[in-house]
Amino acid sequence: MDKILIFLNLFVPLRLEMIDMKFDIWQTAENLNIEYISLDLNNIIDYEKYKLYAIVTSSTQLEGSTLNELDTKLLLDEGITAKGKPLEHHLMVKDNYEAIKFAMKAGGEKQVLSPDFLKKLNSLNMAETGTVVSNVLGIIDGRRGDFRLVNAFSDALGYYLDAPKIPEAVRIFCEEFNRQMKTDNNTDILRSSFDAHANLVLIHPWQDGNKRTSRLVMNFMQRRAGLPLTKVHKEDSKEYLLALKKAKDTGDLNPFRNFMVKQHIKTLKNEIAAYKQINKKNEKFSLIL
């Protein structure tokens, strides 16, 4: 089977009752969404900023950064670098923060997905850490969000979509998920955000920054729908890659959806519990724990 068809099969949305997992886990996620939104945490001073710091820290740690949440806070608030930690890790954090701010603004403005939007998101992600690759096919500037021109392979996930098929796959990706974002059903949107995340990783349009950018697309879709943001937790990185590999190898997104909805539940439970604990003490709330 032609490789592009394997990836595009993942775009087909499934009716919720057909998903091979218990519905109650999605109902749990929806109940937590409602509770989380009812707390009106975004009106707490600096909550939004520290929420993004927490996501940035985890996302960059998944790609090898050694900066923890306190390091991230000091770097982004005060420009203080973490002693003994590589400059590249600091630049990765700063880039990812600029990219997530762009994604959140775009989501708030109800923008839609397009190839140019995705290139801009990736270019922000790689502004200081992207590289320029030159070969017989041309020059790819990782700082501009250029799509790769050569085939890609990783030890974790194997070969990705053939490079010549990327522009068409990205075009169809944007059309499909713009269509899916038109729903008012929160559970469908949450599931679609996870599906977009997996699909973009597996299309793998760029030389670098694919997983970071894919997680930002997920968060963009969630913000656009007014949903709480999902964080992929560093301690679950092995399960994260296994879930992506299962989706790639089988063409079945259910294992990845199941993993991600559990990450969403974990994210919200942790934040709600932290808020309630701090609120009892009448202290200033912070996600930097």
C-alpha atoms as a PDB file:
ATOM      1  CA  MET A   1       0.000   0.000   0.000  1.00  0.00           C
ATOM      2  CA  ASP A   2       1.241   3.474  -0.805  1.00  0.00           C
ATOM      3  CA  LYS A   3       2.606   5.063   2.348  1.00  0.00           C
ATOM      4  CA  ILE A   4       0.519   8.234   2.090  1.00  0.00           C
ATOM      5  CA  LEU A   5      -2.671   6.184   2.257  1.00  0.00           C
ATOM      6  CA  ILE A   6      -1.542   4.594   5.496  1.00  0.00           C
ATOM      7  CA  PHE A   7      -1.226   7.984   7.129  1.00  0.00           C
ATOM      8  CA  LEU A   8      -4.379   9.443   5.645  1.00  0.00           C
ATOM      9  CA  ASN A   9      -6.402   6.502   6.922  1.00  0.00           C
ATOM     10  CA  LEU A  10      -5.725   7.906  10.377  1.00  0.00           C
ATOM     11  CA  PHE A  11      -7.753  10.983   9.484  1.00  0.00           C
ATOM     12  CA  VAL A  12     -11.013   9.053   9.403  1.00  0.00           C
ATOM     13  CA  PRO A  13     -12.955  10.046  12.557  1.00  0.00           C
ATOM     14  CA  LEU A  14     -14.642   7.278  14.535  1.00  0.00           C
ATOM     15  CA  ARG A  15     -17.971   7.479  16.253  1.00  0.00           C
ATOM     16  CA  LEU A  16     -17.336   7.516  19.987  1.00  0.00           C
ATOM     17  CA  GLU A  17     -19.315   4.370  20.649  1.00  0.00           C
ATOM     18  CA  MET A  18     -17.134   2.506  18.136  1.00  0.00           C
ATOM     19  CA  ILE A  19     -13.904   3.300  19.961  1.00  0.00           C
ATOM     20  CA  ASP A  20     -12.310   0.266  21.551  1.00  0.00           C
ATOM     21  CA  MET A  21     -12.126   1.653  25.067  1.00  0.00           C
ATOM     22  CA  LYS A  22     -14.535   2.339  27.883  1.00  0.00           C
ATOM     23  CA  PHE A  23     -16.608   5.472  27.381  1.00  0.00           C
ATOM     24  CA  ASP A  24     -16.271   6.353  31.064  1.00  0.00           C
ATOM     25  CA  ILE A  25     -12.677   7.540  30.620  1.00  0.00           C
ATOM     26  CA  TRP A  26     -13.910  10.177  28.154  1.00  0.00           C
ATOM     27  CA  GLN A  27     -16.755  11.054  30.509  1.00  0.00           C
ATOM     28  CA  THR A  28     -14.190  11.462  33.298  1.00  0.00           C
ATOM     29  CA  ALA A  29     -12.237  13.838  31.081  1.00  0.00           C
ATOM     30  CA  GLU A  30     -15.377  15.845  30.291  1.00  0.00           C
ATOM     31  CA  ASN A  31     -16.337  16.047  33.987  1.00  0.00           C
ATOM     32  CA  LEU A  32     -12.841  17.315  34.816  1.00  0.00           C
ATOM     33  CA  ASN A  33     -13.032  19.841  31.957  1.00  0.00           C
ATOM     34  CA  ILE A  34     -16.231  21.216  33.492  1.00  0.00           C
ATOM     35  CA  GLU A  35     -14.782  21.336  37.014  1.00  0.00           C
ATOM     36  CA  TYR A  36     -11.551  22.918  35.784  1.00  0.00           C
ATOM     37  CA  ILE A  37     -13.353  25.615  33.780  1.00  0.00           C
ATOM     38  CA  SER A  38     -15.669  26.350  36.726  1.00  0.00           C
ATOM     39  CA  LEU A  39     -12.663  27.249  38.904  1.00  0.00           C
ATOM     40  CA  ASP A  40     -11.924  30.125  36.489  1.00  0.00           C
ATOM     41  CA  LEU A  41      -8.213  29.639  36.985  1.00  0.00           C
ATOM     42  CA  ASN A  42      -7.288  31.919  34.096  1.00  0.00           C
ATOM     43  CA  ASN A  43      -8.372  34.914  36.197  1.00  0.00           C
ATOM     44  CA  ILE A  44      -5.771  34.057  38.843  1.00  0.00           C
ATOM     45  CA  ILE A  45      -2.774  36.335  38.467  1.00  0.00           C
ATOM     46  CA  ASP A  46      -0.006  34.679  36.418  1.00  0.00           C
ATOM     47  CA  TYR A  47      -1.898  31.379  36.189  1.00  0.00           C
ATOM     48  CA  GLU A  48      -1.898  31.345  32.376  1.00  0.00           C
ATOM     49  CA  LYS A  49       1.793  32.165  32.232  1.00  0.00           C
ATOM     50  CA  TYR A  50       2.799  29.408  34.628  1.00  0.00           C
ATOM     51  CA  LYS A  51       0.505  26.926  32.914  1.00  0.00           C
ATOM     52  CA  LEU A  52       2.385  27.568  29.673  1.00  0.00           C
ATOM     53  CA  TYR A  53       5.718  27.357  31.505  1.00  0.00           C
ATOM     54  CA  ALA A  54       4.725  23.903  32.794  1.00  0.00           C
ATOM     55  CA  ILE A  55       3.763  22.705  29.302  1.00  0.00           C
ATOM     56  CA  VAL A  56       6.947  24.142  27.773  1.00  0.00           C
ATOM     57  CA  THR A  57       9.113  22.486  30.414  1.00  0.00           C
ATOM     58  CA  SER A  58       7.538  19.082  29.885  1.00  0.00           C
ATOM     59  CA  SER A  59       7.500  19.355  26.081  1.00  0.00           C
ATOM     60  CA  THR A  60      11.164  20.297  25.865  1.00  0.00           C
ATOM     61  CA  GLN A  61      12.157  17.669  28.445  1.00  0.00           C
ATOM     62  CA  LEU A  62      10.563  15.064  26.178  1.00  0.00           C
ATOM     63  CA  GLU A  63      13.069  16.184  23.519  1.00  0.00           C
ATOM     64  CA  GLY A  64      16.102  16.103  25.821  1.00  0.00           C
ATOM     65  CA  SER A  65      16.098  19.417  27.690  1.00  0.00           C
ATOM     66  CA  THR A  66      17.464  19.273  31.234  1.00  0.00           C
ATOM     67  CA  LEU A  67      15.706  22.425  32.452  1.00  0.00           C
ATOM     68  CA  ASN A  68      13.101  21.872  35.164  1.00  0.00           C
ATOM     69  CA  GLU A  69      10.095  24.104  35.869  1.00  0.00           C
ATOM     70  CA  LEU A  70      12.000  26.387  38.218  1.00  0.00           C
ATOM     71  CA  ASP A  71      14.790  26.751  35.639  1.00  0.00           C
ATOM     72  CA  THR A  72      12.174  27.652  33.038  1.00  0.00           C
ATOM     73  CA  LYS A  73      10.571  30.236  35.314  1.00  0.00           C
ATOM     74  CA  LEU A  74      13.901  31.895  36.106  1.00  0.00           C
ATOM     75  CA  LEU A  75      14.938  31.897  32.452  1.00  0.00           C
ATOM     76  CA  LEU A  76      11.684  33.325  31.081  1.00  0.00           C
ATOM     77  CA  ASP A  77      10.909  35.708  33.944  1.00  0.00           C
ATOM     78  CA  GLU A  78      14.378  36.980  34.782  1.00  0.00           C
ATOM     79  CA  GLY A  79      16.721  35.818  32.035  1.00  0.00           C
ATOM     80  CA  ILE A  80      18.718  33.718  34.497  1.00  0.00           C
ATOM     81  CA  THR A  81      20.329  30.616  32.996  1.00  0.00           C
ATOM     82  CA  ALA A  82      20.628  27.337  34.886  1.00  0.00           C
ATOM     83  CA  LYS A  83      24.221  26.705  35.936  1.00  0.00           C
ATOM     84  CA  GLY A  84      25.883  23.766  34.244  1.00  0.00           C
ATOM     85  CA  LYS A  85      23.050  23.144  31.765  1.00  0.00           C
ATOM     86  CA  PRO A  86      23.600  23.426  27.984  1.00  0.00           C
ATOM     87  CA  LEU A  87      22.856  26.671  26.172  1.00  0.00           C
ATOM     88  CA  GLU A  88      20.936  24.697  23.539  1.00  0.00           C
ATOM     89  CA  HIS A  89      18.445  23.556  26.202  1.00  0.00           C
ATOM     90  CA  HIS A  90      17.816  27.157  27.231  1.00  0.00           C
ATOM     91  CA  LEU A  91      17.282  28.180  23.607  1.00  0.00           C
ATOM     92  CA  MET A  92      14.898  25.249  23.094  1.00  0.00           C
ATOM     93  CA  VAL A  93      12.798  26.410  26.041  1.00  0.00           C
ATOM     94  CA  LYS A  94      12.725  30.027  24.846  1.00  0.00           C
ATOM     95  CA  ASP A  95      11.745  28.973  21.320  1.00  0.00           C
ATOM     96  CA  ASN A  96       8.995  26.655  22.534  1.00  0.00           C
ATOM     97  CA  TYR A  97       7.571  29.393  24.755  1.00  0.00           C
ATOM     98  CA  GLU A  98       7.400  31.857  21.864  1.00  0.00           C
ATOM     99  CA  ALA A  99       5.717  29.170  19.758  1.00  0.00           C
ATOM    100  CA  ILE A 100       3.105  28.282  22.365  1.00  0.00           C
ATOM    101  CA  LYS A 101       2.261  31.970  22.882  1.00  0.00           C
ATOM    102  CA  PHE A 102       1.669  32.239  19.131  1.00  0.00           C
ATOM    103  CA  ALA A 103      -0.489  29.092  19.200  1.00  0.00           C
ATOM    104  CA  MET A 104      -2.553  30.372  22.130  1.00  0.00           C
ATOM    105  CA  LYS A 105      -3.148  33.737  20.465  1.00  0.00           C
ATOM    106  CA  ALA A 106      -4.160  32.013  17.224  1.00  0.00           C
ATOM    107  CA  GLY A 107      -6.494  29.683  19.090  1.00  0.00           C
ATOM    108  CA  GLY A 108      -8.106  32.584  20.917  1.00  0.00           C
ATOM    109  CA  GLU A 109      -8.672  34.314  17.575  1.00  0.00           C
ATOM    110  CA  LYS A 110     -10.286  31.151  16.120  1.00  0.00           C
ATOM    111  CA  GLN A 111      -7.732  30.914  13.345  1.00  0.00           C
ATOM    112  CA  VAL A 112      -7.695  27.829  11.139  1.00  0.00           C
ATOM    113  CA  LEU A 113      -4.975  25.385  10.182  1.00  0.00           C
ATOM    114  CA  SER A 114      -3.030  25.949   6.984  1.00  0.00           C
ATOM    115  CA  PRO A 115       0.398  24.876   5.680  1.00  0.00           C
ATOM    116  CA  ASP A 116       1.679  28.429   6.260  1.00  0.00           C
ATOM    117  CA  PHE A 117       0.337  28.415   9.825  1.00  0.00           C
ATOM    118  CA  LEU A 118       2.126  25.120  10.547  1.00  0.00           C
ATOM    119  CA  LYS A 119       5.362  26.394   8.995  1.00  0.00           C
ATOM    120  CA  LYS A 120       5.189  29.527  11.157  1.00  0.00           C
ATOM    121  CA  LEU A 121       4.596  27.446  14.286  1.00  0.00           C
ATOM    122  CA  ASN A 122       7.562  25.215  13.528  1.00  0.00           C
ATOM    123  CA  SER A 123       9.776  28.180  12.632  1.00  0.00           C
ATOM    124  CA  LEU A 124       9.108  29.737  16.047  1.00  0.00           C
ATOM    125  CA  ASN A 125       9.869  26.398  17.677  1.00  0.00           C
ATOM    126  CA  MET A 126      13.211  26.181  15.878  1.00  0.00           C
ATOM    127  CA  ALA A 127      14.164  29.867  15.708  1.00  0.00           C
ATOM    128  CA  GLU A 128      17.395  29.499  17.698  1.00  0.00           C
ATOM    129  CA  THR A 129      18.056  25.761  17.418  1.00  0.00           C
ATOM    130  CA  GLY A 130      17.132  24.968  13.814  1.00  0.00           C
ATOM    131  CA  THR A 131      19.848  24.047  11.338  1.00  0.00           C
ATOM    132  CA  VAL A 132      20.383  24.640   7.623  1.00  0.00           C
ATOM    133  CA  VAL A 133      20.710  21.441   5.577  1.00  0.00           C
ATOM    134  CA  SER A 134      21.993  21.544   2.004  1.00  0.00           C
ATOM    135  CA  ASN A 135      21.919  18.629  -0.420  1.00  0.00           C
ATOM    136  CA  VAL A 136      21.330  17.907  -4.111  1.00  0.00           C
ATOM    137  CA  LEU A 137      17.593  18.481  -3.638  1.00  0.00           C
ATOM    138  CA  GLY A 138      18.006  21.991  -2.257  1.00  0.00           C
ATOM    139  CA  ILE A 139      18.505  23.944   0.961  1.00  0.00           C
ATOM    140  CA  ILE A 140      16.273  23.393   3.976  1.00  0.00           C
ATOM    141  CA  ASP A 141      16.366  26.091   6.653  1.00  0.00           C
ATOM    142  CA  GLY A 142      15.057  24.624   9.899  1.00  0.00           C
ATOM    143  CA  ARG A 143      14.583  28.142  11.242  1.00  0.00           C
ATOM    144  CA  ARG A 144      11.980  28.989   8.552  1.00  0.00           C
ATOM    145  CA  GLY A 145       9.686  25.986   8.944  1.00  0.00           C
ATOM    146  CA  ASP A 146      10.682  24.547   5.570  1.00  0.00           C
ATOM    147  CA  PHE A 147       9.349  21.059   4.900  1.00  0.00           C
ATOM    148  CA  ARG A 148      12.032  18.394   4.642  1.00  0.00           C
ATOM    149  CA  LEU A 149      13.198  17.291   1.198  1.00  0.00           C
ATOM    150  CA  VAL A 150      14.728  13.979   2.233  1.00  0.00           C
ATOM    151  CA  ASN A 151      13.219  10.911   3.841  1.00  0.00           C
ATOM    152  CA  ALA A 152      13.381  10.616   7.631  1.00  0.00           C
ATOM    153  CA  PHE A 153      13.901   7.765  10.091  1.00  0.00           C
ATOM    154  CA  SER A 154      13.997   7.518  13.884  1.00  0.00           C
ATOM    155  CA  ASP A 155      14.905   4.615  16.156  1.00  0.00           C
ATOM    156  CA  ALA A 156      11.650   5.081  18.073  1.00  0.00           C
ATOM    157  CA  LEU A 157       9.189   5.255  15.167  1.00  0.00           C
ATOM    158  CA  GLY A 158      11.043   4.030  12.080  1.00  0.00           C
ATOM    159  CA  TYR A 159      10.515   5.565   8.625  1.00  0.00           C
ATOM    160  CA  TYR A 160       8.116   8.464   8.165  1.00  0.00           C
ATOM    161  CA  LEU A 161       6.123   9.608   5.156  1.00  0.00           C
ATOM    162  CA  ASP A 162       8.171   9.991   1.970  1.00  0.00           C
ATOM    163  CA  ALA A 163       9.335  13.587   1.572  1.00  0.00           C
ATOM    164  CA  PRO A 164       7.710  14.294  -1.849  1.00  0.00           C
ATOM    165  CA  LYS A 165       4.293  13.423  -0.383  1.00  0.00           C
ATOM    166  CA  ILE A 166       4.501  15.906   2.497  1.00  0.00           C
ATOM    167  CA  PRO A 167       2.893  18.998   0.871  1.00  0.00           C
ATOM    168  CA  GLU A 168      -0.216  17.066  -0.194  1.00  0.00           C
ATOM    169  CA  ALA A 169      -0.461  15.248   3.130  1.00  0.00           C
ATOM    170  CA  VAL A 170      -0.219  18.548   5.044  1.00  0.00           C
ATOM    171  CA  ARG A 171      -2.889  20.116   2.817  1.00  0.00           C
ATOM    172  CA  ILE A 172      -5.292  17.234   3.496  1.00  0.00           C
ATOM    173  CA  PHE A 173      -4.370  17.313   7.203  1.00  0.00           C
ATOM    174  CA  CYS A 174      -5.389  20.981   7.436  1.00  0.00           C
ATOM    175  CA  GLU A 175      -8.641  20.469   5.525  1.00  0.00           C
ATOM    176  CA  GLU A 176      -9.659  17.476   7.626  1.00  0.00           C
ATOM    177  CA  PHE A 177      -8.961  18.970  11.031  1.00  0.00           C
ATOM    178  CA  ASN A 178     -10.471  22.336  10.116  1.00  0.00           C
ATOM    179  CA  ARG A 179     -13.609  20.360   9.322  1.00  0.00           C
ATOM    180  CA  GLN A 180     -13.424  18.474  12.615  1.00  0.00           C
ATOM    181  CA  MET A 181     -12.979  21.718  14.593  1.00  0.00           C
ATOM    182  CA  LYS A 182     -16.437  22.893  13.498  1.00  0.00           C
ATOM    183  CA  THR A 183     -18.158  20.640  16.034  1.00  0.00           C
ATOM    184  CA  ASP A 184     -19.509  21.941  19.341  1.00  0.00           C
ATOM    185  CA  ASN A 185     -18.995  18.595  21.077  1.00  0.00           C
ATOM    186  CA  ASN A 186     -16.136  18.941  23.567  1.00  0.00           C
ATOM    187  CA  THR A 187     -15.338  15.234  23.636  1.00  0.00           C
ATOM    188  CA  ASP A 188     -15.095  15.143  19.842  1.00  0.00           C
ATOM    189  CA  ILE A 189     -12.814  18.192  19.820  1.00  0.00           C
ATOM    190  CA  LEU A 190     -10.589  16.715  22.527  1.00  0.00           C
ATOM    191  CA  ARG A 191     -10.299  13.478  20.576  1.00  0.00           C
ATOM    192  CA  SER A 192      -9.634  15.395  17.343  1.00  0.00           C
ATOM    193  CA  SER A 193      -6.827  17.349  19.018  1.00  0.00           C
ATOM    194  CA  PHE A 194      -5.169  14.056  19.970  1.00  0.00           C
ATOM    195  CA  ASP A 195      -5.686  12.701  16.443  1.00  0.00           C
ATOM    196  CA  ALA A 196      -4.102  15.819  14.917  1.00  0.00           C
ATOM    197  CA  HIS A 197      -1.169  15.455  17.301  1.00  0.00           C
ATOM    198  CA  ALA A 198      -0.504  11.852  16.197  1.00  0.00           C
ATOM    199  CA  ASN A 199      -1.082  12.483  12.496  1.00  0.00           C
ATOM    200  CA  LEU A 200       1.311  15.417  12.309  1.00  0.00           C
ATOM    201  CA  VAL A 201       4.032  13.473  14.140  1.00  0.00           C
ATOM    202  CA  LEU A 202       3.633  10.621  11.654  1.00  0.00           C
ATOM    203  CA  ILE A 203       3.604  12.863   8.581  1.00  0.00           C
ATOM    204  CA  HIS A 204       6.782  14.363  10.091  1.00  0.00           C
ATOM    205  CA  PRO A 205       6.957  17.414   7.800  1.00  0.00           C
ATOM    206  CA  TRP A 206      10.165  18.923   9.204  1.00  0.00           C
ATOM    207  CA  GLN A 207      13.770  17.955   9.785  1.00  0.00           C
ATOM    208  CA  ASP A 208      13.373  18.673  13.497  1.00  0.00           C
ATOM    209  CA  GLY A 209      10.804  19.857  16.031  1.00  0.00           C
ATOM    210  CA  ASN A 210       8.006  17.616  14.746  1.00  0.00           C
ATOM    211  CA  LYS A 211       6.736  16.299  18.088  1.00  0.00           C
ATOM    212  CA  ARG A 212       7.033  19.692  19.792  1.00  0.00           C
ATOM    213  CA  THR A 213       5.102  21.355  16.967  1.00  0.00           C
ATOM    214  CA  SER A 214       2.495  18.565  16.920  1.00  0.00           C
ATOM    215  CA  ARG A 215       1.845  19.009  20.641  1.00  0.00           C
ATOM    216  CA  LEU A 216       1.379  22.739  20.012  1.00  0.00           C
ATOM    217  CA  VAL A 217      -1.188  22.020  17.301  1.00  0.00           C
ATOM    218  CA  MET A 218      -3.052  19.879  19.844  1.00  0.00           C
ATOM    219  CA  ASN A 219      -2.974  22.734  22.359  1.00  0.00           C
ATOM    220  CA  PHE A 220      -3.998  25.257  19.677  1.00  0.00           C
ATOM    221  CA  MET A 221      -7.102  23.185  18.894  1.00  0.00           C
ATOM    222  CA  GLN A 222      -7.943  22.902  22.590  1.00  0.00           C
ATOM    223  CA  ARG A 223      -7.563  26.642  23.170  1.00  0.00           C
ATOM    224  CA  ARG A 224      -9.645  27.388  20.084  1.00  0.00           C
ATOM    225  CA  ALA A 225     -12.486  25.308  21.580  1.00  0.00           C
ATOM    226  CA  GLY A 226     -12.097  26.813  25.071  1.00  0.00           C
ATOM    227  CA  LEU A 227     -10.891  23.514  26.550  1.00  0.00           C
ATOM    228  CA  PRO A 228      -8.160  23.050  29.159  1.00  0.00           C
ATOM    229  CA  LEU A 229      -4.747  22.263  27.715  1.00  0.00           C
ATOM    230  CA  THR A 230      -3.220  18.787  27.792  1.00  0.00           C
ATOM    231  CA  LYS A 231       0.371  18.256  28.918  1.00  0.00           C
ATOM    232  CA  VAL A 232       2.333  15.139  27.963  1.00  0.00           C
ATOM    233  CA  HIS A 233       4.213  14.260  31.134  1.00  0.00           C
ATOM    234  CA  LYS A 234       7.948  13.616  30.955  1.00  0.00           C
ATOM    235  CA  GLU A 235       7.732  10.563  33.229  1.00  0.00           C
ATOM    236  CA  ASP A 236       5.399   8.942  30.694  1.00  0.00           C
ATOM    237  CA  SER A 237       7.700   9.452  27.697  1.00  0.00           C
ATOM    238  CA  LYS A 238       8.201   5.734  26.990  1.00  0.00           C
ATOM    239  CA  GLU A 239       4.454   5.080  26.940  1.00  0.00           C
ATOM    240  CA  TYR A 240       4.015   8.152  24.736  1.00  0.00           C
ATOM    241  CA  LEU A 241       6.386   6.823  22.083  1.00  0.00           C
ATOM    242  CA  LEU A 242       4.892   3.327  22.318  1.00  0.00           C
ATOM    243  CA  ALA A 243       1.395   4.735  21.727  1.00  0.00           C
ATOM    244  CA  LEU A 244       2.632   6.661  18.673  1.00  0.00           C
ATOM    245  CA  LYS A 245       4.382   3.552  17.352  1.00  0.00           C
ATOM    246  CA  LYS A 246       1.223   1.463  17.728  1.00  0.00           C
ATOM    247  CA  ALA A 247      -0.728   4.073  15.762  1.00  0.00           C
ATOM    248  CA  LYS A 248       1.916   4.073  13.038  1.00  0.00           C
ATOM    249  CA  ASP A 249       2.272   0.287  12.822  1.00  0.00           C
ATOM    250  CA  THR A 250      -1.446  -0.559  12.900  1.00  0.00           C
ATOM    251  CA  GLY A 251      -3.192   2.518  11.453  1.00  0.00           C
ATOM    252  CA  ASP A 252      -5.351   2.478  14.605  1.00  0.00           C
ATOM    253  CA  LEU A 253      -5.432   5.673  16.665  1.00  0.00           C
ATOM    254  CA  ASN A 254      -7.245   4.145  19.650  1.00  0.00           C
ATOM    255  CA  PRO A 255      -4.089   3.278  21.655  1.00  0.00           C
ATOM    256  CA  PHE A 256      -2.848   6.854  21.233  1.00  0.00           C
ATOM    257  CA  ARG A 257      -6.252   8.339  22.050  1.00  0.00           C
ATOM    258  CA  ASN A 258      -6.425   6.182  25.162  1.00  0.00           C
ATOM    259  CA  PHE A 259      -2.957   7.273  26.279  1.00  0.00           C
ATOM    260  CA  MET A 260      -3.657  10.950  25.625  1.00  0.00           C
ATOM    261  CA  VAL A 261      -7.019  11.109  27.386  1.00  0.00           C
ATOM    262  CA  LYS A 262      -5.287   9.636  30.441  1.00  0.00           C
ATOM    263  CA  GLN A 263      -2.621  12.348  30.144  1.00  0.00           C
ATOM    264  CA  HIS A 264      -5.392  14.950  29.961  1.00  0.00           C
ATOM    265  CA  ILE A 265      -7.054  13.544  33.083  1.00  0.00           C
ATOM    266  CA  LYS A 266      -3.694  13.445  34.878  1.00  0.00           C
ATOM    267  CA  THR A 267      -2.988  17.057  33.904  1.00  0.00           C
ATOM    268  CA  LEU A 268      -6.312  18.361  35.190  1.00  0.00           C
ATOM    269  CA  LYS A 269      -6.344  16.283  38.370  1.00  0.00           C
ATOM    270  CA  ASN A 270      -2.878  17.549  39.279  1.00  0.00           C
ATOM    271  CA  GLU A 271      -3.789  21.193  38.664  1.00  0.00           C
ATOM    272  CA  ILE A 272      -7.156  21.032  40.431  1.00  0.00           C
ATOM    273  CA  ALA A 273      -5.576  19.313  43.437  1.00  0.00           C
ATOM    274  CA  ALA A 274      -2.759  21.888  43.560  1.00  0.00           C
ATOM    275  CA  TYR A 275      -5.255  24.749  43.364  1.00  0.00           C
ATOM    276  CA  LYS A 276      -7.437  23.324  46.145  1.00  0.00           C
ATOM    277  CA  GLN A 277      -4.464  22.660  48.396  1.00  0.00           C
ATOM    278  CA  ILE A 278      -3.025  26.143  47.967  1.00  0.00           C
ATOM    279  CA  ASN A 279      -6.459  27.771  48.188  1.00  0.00           C
ATOM    280  CA  LYS A 280      -6.989  26.244  51.630  1.00  0.00           C
ATOM    281  CA  LYS A 281      -3.843  28.006  52.810  1.00  0.00           C
ATOM    282  CA  ASN A 282      -4.882  31.277  51.125  1.00  0.00           C
ATOM    283  CA  GLU A 283      -1.531  31.420  49.360  1.00  0.00           C
ATOM    284  CA  LYS A 284      -0.709  32.625  45.842  1.00  0.00           C
ATOM    285  CA  PHE A 285      -1.372  29.830  43.384  1.00  0.00           C
ATOM    286  CA  SER A 286       1.481  28.594  41.217  1.00  0.00           C
ATOM    287  CA  LEU A 287       1.939  25.624  38.904  1.00  0.00           C
ATOM    288  CA  ILE A 288       5.646  25.611  39.727  1.00  0.00           C
ATOM    289  CA  LEU A 289       5.520  22.938  42.431  1.00  0.00           C
END
